[in-house]
Protein backbone atom coordinates (compact mmCIF):
# COMPACT_ATOMS: atom_id res chain seq x y z
CA UNK A 1 0.00 0.00 0.00
CA UNK A 2 1.41 3.40 -0.86
CA UNK A 3 0.71 6.54 1.13
CA UNK A 4 -1.84 7.79 -1.43
CA UNK A 5 -4.06 4.77 -0.66
CA UNK A 6 -3.74 5.20 3.11
CA UNK A 7 -6.75 7.13 4.44
CA UNK A 8 -5.80 7.44 8.10
CA UNK A 9 -3.89 10.30 9.67
CA UNK A 10 -1.38 9.84 12.46
CA UNK A 11 -0.42 12.68 14.84
CA UNK A 12 2.67 12.30 16.98
CA UNK A 13 3.36 14.31 20.07
CA UNK A 14 5.09 13.75 23.34
CA UNK A 15 4.91 10.29 24.90
CA UNK A 16 4.73 11.30 28.54
CA UNK A 17 5.36 7.77 29.77
CA UNK A 18 8.53 7.52 27.70
CA UNK A 19 11.57 9.73 27.77
CA UNK A 20 11.07 11.87 24.65
CA UNK A 21 14.78 11.64 23.89
CA UNK A 22 14.72 7.85 23.82
CA UNK A 23 15.35 5.72 20.78
CA UNK A 24 11.89 4.18 21.22
CA UNK A 25 10.34 7.16 19.49
CA UNK A 26 12.81 6.92 16.65
CA UNK A 27 12.17 3.19 16.24
CA UNK A 28 8.39 3.49 16.45
CA UNK A 29 7.55 6.82 14.81
CA UNK A 30 10.28 7.30 12.22
CA UNK A 31 9.11 4.31 10.10
CA UNK A 32 5.59 5.80 9.99
CA UNK A 33 6.96 9.16 8.87
CA UNK A 34 9.08 7.51 6.19
CA UNK A 35 6.43 5.05 4.97
CA UNK A 36 3.44 7.43 5.06
CA UNK A 37 4.93 10.91 4.65
CA UNK A 38 1.65 12.36 3.37
CA UNK A 39 -0.35 11.19 6.42
CA UNK A 40 1.58 12.15 9.55
CA UNK A 41 1.49 15.23 11.77
CA UNK A 42 3.53 16.35 14.73
CA UNK A 43 2.37 18.48 17.61
CA UNK A 44 2.39 19.10 21.33
CA UNK A 45 -0.30 19.99 23.80
CA UNK A 46 1.43 23.31 24.50
CA UNK A 47 0.93 25.12 26.83
CA UNK A 48 0.50 21.75 28.60
CA UNK A 49 -2.66 22.60 30.58
CA UNK A 50 -2.90 19.15 32.15
CA UNK A 51 0.70 19.02 33.30
CA UNK A 52 1.00 20.41 36.79
CA UNK A 53 4.17 18.80 38.11
CA UNK A 54 6.25 17.63 35.18
CA UNK A 55 6.05 20.25 32.46
CA UNK A 56 8.02 19.12 29.41
CA UNK A 57 10.90 21.07 27.95
CA UNK A 58 9.43 22.32 24.66
CA UNK A 59 12.89 22.85 23.19
CA UNK A 60 13.75 19.21 23.82
CA UNK A 61 10.47 18.15 22.21
CA UNK A 62 11.31 20.14 19.09
CA UNK A 63 14.83 18.68 19.08
CA UNK A 64 13.25 15.26 18.48
CA UNK A 65 11.82 16.26 15.09
CA UNK A 66 15.01 15.55 13.06
CA UNK A 67 15.19 12.11 14.69
CA UNK A 68 11.76 11.14 13.36
CA UNK A 69 11.82 13.17 10.12
CA UNK A 70 15.39 13.04 8.90
CA UNK A 71 15.13 15.22 5.79
CA UNK A 72 13.98 18.78 5.24
CA UNK A 73 11.24 17.48 2.93
CA UNK A 74 9.86 15.12 5.59
CA UNK A 75 10.01 17.84 8.25
CA UNK A 76 8.09 20.24 6.01
CA UNK A 77 5.39 17.61 5.40
CA UNK A 78 5.18 16.75 9.10
CA UNK A 79 5.02 20.35 10.33
CA UNK A 80 3.53 22.42 7.49
CA UNK A 81 2.11 20.68 4.44
CA UNK A 82 0.15 17.86 6.09
CA UNK A 83 -1.49 20.02 8.78
CA UNK A 84 -2.51 22.48 6.06
CA UNK A 85 -4.06 19.70 3.96
CA UNK A 86 -5.88 18.18 6.95
CA UNK A 87 -7.13 21.26 8.79
CA UNK A 88 -7.39 23.82 5.97
CA UNK A 89 -7.88 21.86 2.74
CA UNK A 90 -9.56 24.82 1.03
CA UNK A 91 -6.27 26.78 1.31
CA UNK A 92 -4.24 23.97 -0.31
C-alpha atoms as a PDB file:
ATOM      1  CA  UNK A   1       0.000   0.000   0.000  1.00  0.00           C
ATOM      2  CA  UNK A   2       1.406   3.400  -0.861  1.00  0.00           C
ATOM      3  CA  UNK A   3       0.708   6.541   1.129  1.00  0.00           C
ATOM      4  CA  UNK A   4      -1.838   7.785  -1.426  1.00  0.00           C
ATOM      5  CA  UNK A   5      -4.057   4.769  -0.658  1.00  0.00           C
ATOM      6  CA  UNK A   6      -3.739   5.198   3.109  1.00  0.00           C
ATOM      7  CA  UNK A   7      -6.751   7.134   4.439  1.00  0.00           C
ATOM      8  CA  UNK A   8      -5.803   7.441   8.101  1.00  0.00           C
ATOM      9  CA  UNK A   9      -3.894  10.305   9.673  1.00  0.00           C
ATOM     10  CA  UNK A  10      -1.383   9.839  12.463  1.00  0.00           C
ATOM     11  CA  UNK A  11      -0.419  12.676  14.845  1.00  0.00           C
ATOM     12  CA  UNK A  12       2.673  12.303  16.981  1.00  0.00           C
ATOM     13  CA  UNK A  13       3.356  14.307  20.075  1.00  0.00           C
ATOM     14  CA  UNK A  14       5.089  13.745  23.340  1.00  0.00           C
ATOM     15  CA  UNK A  15       4.914  10.294  24.899  1.00  0.00           C
ATOM     16  CA  UNK A  16       4.729  11.301  28.540  1.00  0.00           C
ATOM     17  CA  UNK A  17       5.363   7.770  29.772  1.00  0.00           C
ATOM     18  CA  UNK A  18       8.532   7.522  27.696  1.00  0.00           C
ATOM     19  CA  UNK A  19      11.573   9.734  27.772  1.00  0.00           C
ATOM     20  CA  UNK A  20      11.075  11.869  24.652  1.00  0.00           C
ATOM     21  CA  UNK A  21      14.777  11.637  23.886  1.00  0.00           C
ATOM     22  CA  UNK A  22      14.716   7.846  23.820  1.00  0.00           C
ATOM     23  CA  UNK A  23      15.350   5.723  20.782  1.00  0.00           C
ATOM     24  CA  UNK A  24      11.893   4.177  21.217  1.00  0.00           C
ATOM     25  CA  UNK A  25      10.340   7.157  19.493  1.00  0.00           C
ATOM     26  CA  UNK A  26      12.807   6.919  16.652  1.00  0.00           C
ATOM     27  CA  UNK A  27      12.172   3.188  16.245  1.00  0.00           C
ATOM     28  CA  UNK A  28       8.393   3.494  16.447  1.00  0.00           C
ATOM     29  CA  UNK A  29       7.549   6.820  14.809  1.00  0.00           C
ATOM     30  CA  UNK A  30      10.277   7.295  12.217  1.00  0.00           C
ATOM     31  CA  UNK A  31       9.112   4.308  10.105  1.00  0.00           C
ATOM     32  CA  UNK A  32       5.594   5.800   9.988  1.00  0.00           C
ATOM     33  CA  UNK A  33       6.956   9.158   8.874  1.00  0.00           C
ATOM     34  CA  UNK A  34       9.083   7.514   6.189  1.00  0.00           C
ATOM     35  CA  UNK A  35       6.426   5.047   4.971  1.00  0.00           C
ATOM     36  CA  UNK A  36       3.441   7.430   5.060  1.00  0.00           C
ATOM     37  CA  UNK A  37       4.933  10.911   4.653  1.00  0.00           C
ATOM     38  CA  UNK A  38       1.646  12.364   3.369  1.00  0.00           C
ATOM     39  CA  UNK A  39      -0.351  11.188   6.415  1.00  0.00           C
ATOM     40  CA  UNK A  40       1.583  12.149   9.553  1.00  0.00           C
ATOM     41  CA  UNK A  41       1.489  15.231  11.767  1.00  0.00           C
ATOM     42  CA  UNK A  42       3.532  16.350  14.731  1.00  0.00           C
ATOM     43  CA  UNK A  43       2.369  18.475  17.607  1.00  0.00           C
ATOM     44  CA  UNK A  44       2.393  19.095  21.330  1.00  0.00           C
ATOM     45  CA  UNK A  45      -0.299  19.992  23.797  1.00  0.00           C
ATOM     46  CA  UNK A  46       1.427  23.313  24.498  1.00  0.00           C
ATOM     47  CA  UNK A  47       0.926  25.122  26.834  1.00  0.00           C
ATOM     48  CA  UNK A  48       0.500  21.755  28.601  1.00  0.00           C
ATOM     49  CA  UNK A  49      -2.664  22.604  30.576  1.00  0.00           C
ATOM     50  CA  UNK A  50      -2.904  19.148  32.150  1.00  0.00           C
ATOM     51  CA  UNK A  51       0.696  19.023  33.296  1.00  0.00           C
ATOM     52  CA  UNK A  52       0.995  20.415  36.792  1.00  0.00           C
ATOM     53  CA  UNK A  53       4.167  18.800  38.106  1.00  0.00           C
ATOM     54  CA  UNK A  54       6.253  17.628  35.181  1.00  0.00           C
ATOM     55  CA  UNK A  55       6.046  20.250  32.460  1.00  0.00           C
ATOM     56  CA  UNK A  56       8.015  19.121  29.409  1.00  0.00           C
ATOM     57  CA  UNK A  57      10.899  21.066  27.946  1.00  0.00           C
ATOM     58  CA  UNK A  58       9.431  22.322  24.658  1.00  0.00           C
ATOM     59  CA  UNK A  59      12.891  22.851  23.185  1.00  0.00           C
ATOM     60  CA  UNK A  60      13.747  19.211  23.822  1.00  0.00           C
ATOM     61  CA  UNK A  61      10.468  18.150  22.214  1.00  0.00           C
ATOM     62  CA  UNK A  62      11.309  20.142  19.085  1.00  0.00           C
ATOM     63  CA  UNK A  63      14.826  18.683  19.078  1.00  0.00           C
ATOM     64  CA  UNK A  64      13.252  15.257  18.484  1.00  0.00           C
ATOM     65  CA  UNK A  65      11.819  16.263  15.091  1.00  0.00           C
ATOM     66  CA  UNK A  66      15.010  15.549  13.065  1.00  0.00           C
ATOM     67  CA  UNK A  67      15.190  12.109  14.689  1.00  0.00           C
ATOM     68  CA  UNK A  68      11.764  11.136  13.359  1.00  0.00           C
ATOM     69  CA  UNK A  69      11.823  13.168  10.115  1.00  0.00           C
ATOM     70  CA  UNK A  70      15.389  13.037   8.899  1.00  0.00           C
ATOM     71  CA  UNK A  71      15.127  15.223   5.787  1.00  0.00           C
ATOM     72  CA  UNK A  72      13.985  18.784   5.239  1.00  0.00           C
ATOM     73  CA  UNK A  73      11.240  17.479   2.929  1.00  0.00           C
ATOM     74  CA  UNK A  74       9.862  15.118   5.592  1.00  0.00           C
ATOM     75  CA  UNK A  75      10.013  17.844   8.245  1.00  0.00           C
ATOM     76  CA  UNK A  76       8.085  20.239   6.014  1.00  0.00           C
ATOM     77  CA  UNK A  77       5.390  17.615   5.400  1.00  0.00           C
ATOM     78  CA  UNK A  78       5.175  16.747   9.097  1.00  0.00           C
ATOM     79  CA  UNK A  79       5.019  20.350  10.326  1.00  0.00           C
ATOM     80  CA  UNK A  80       3.530  22.417   7.491  1.00  0.00           C
ATOM     81  CA  UNK A  81       2.114  20.680   4.437  1.00  0.00           C
ATOM     82  CA  UNK A  82       0.153  17.863   6.086  1.00  0.00           C
ATOM     83  CA  UNK A  83      -1.494  20.015   8.782  1.00  0.00           C
ATOM     84  CA  UNK A  84      -2.514  22.475   6.059  1.00  0.00           C
ATOM     85  CA  UNK A  85      -4.065  19.700   3.958  1.00  0.00           C
ATOM     86  CA  UNK A  86      -5.883  18.176   6.945  1.00  0.00           C
ATOM     87  CA  UNK A  87      -7.126  21.264   8.786  1.00  0.00           C
ATOM     88  CA  UNK A  88      -7.389  23.825   5.974  1.00  0.00           C
ATOM     89  CA  UNK A  89      -7.885  21.860   2.740  1.00  0.00           C
ATOM     90  CA  UNK A  90      -9.556  24.822   1.031  1.00  0.00           C
ATOM     91  CA  UNK A  91      -6.272  26.776   1.311  1.00  0.00           C
ATOM     92  CA  UNK A  92      -4.236  23.974  -0.308  1.00  0.00           C
END
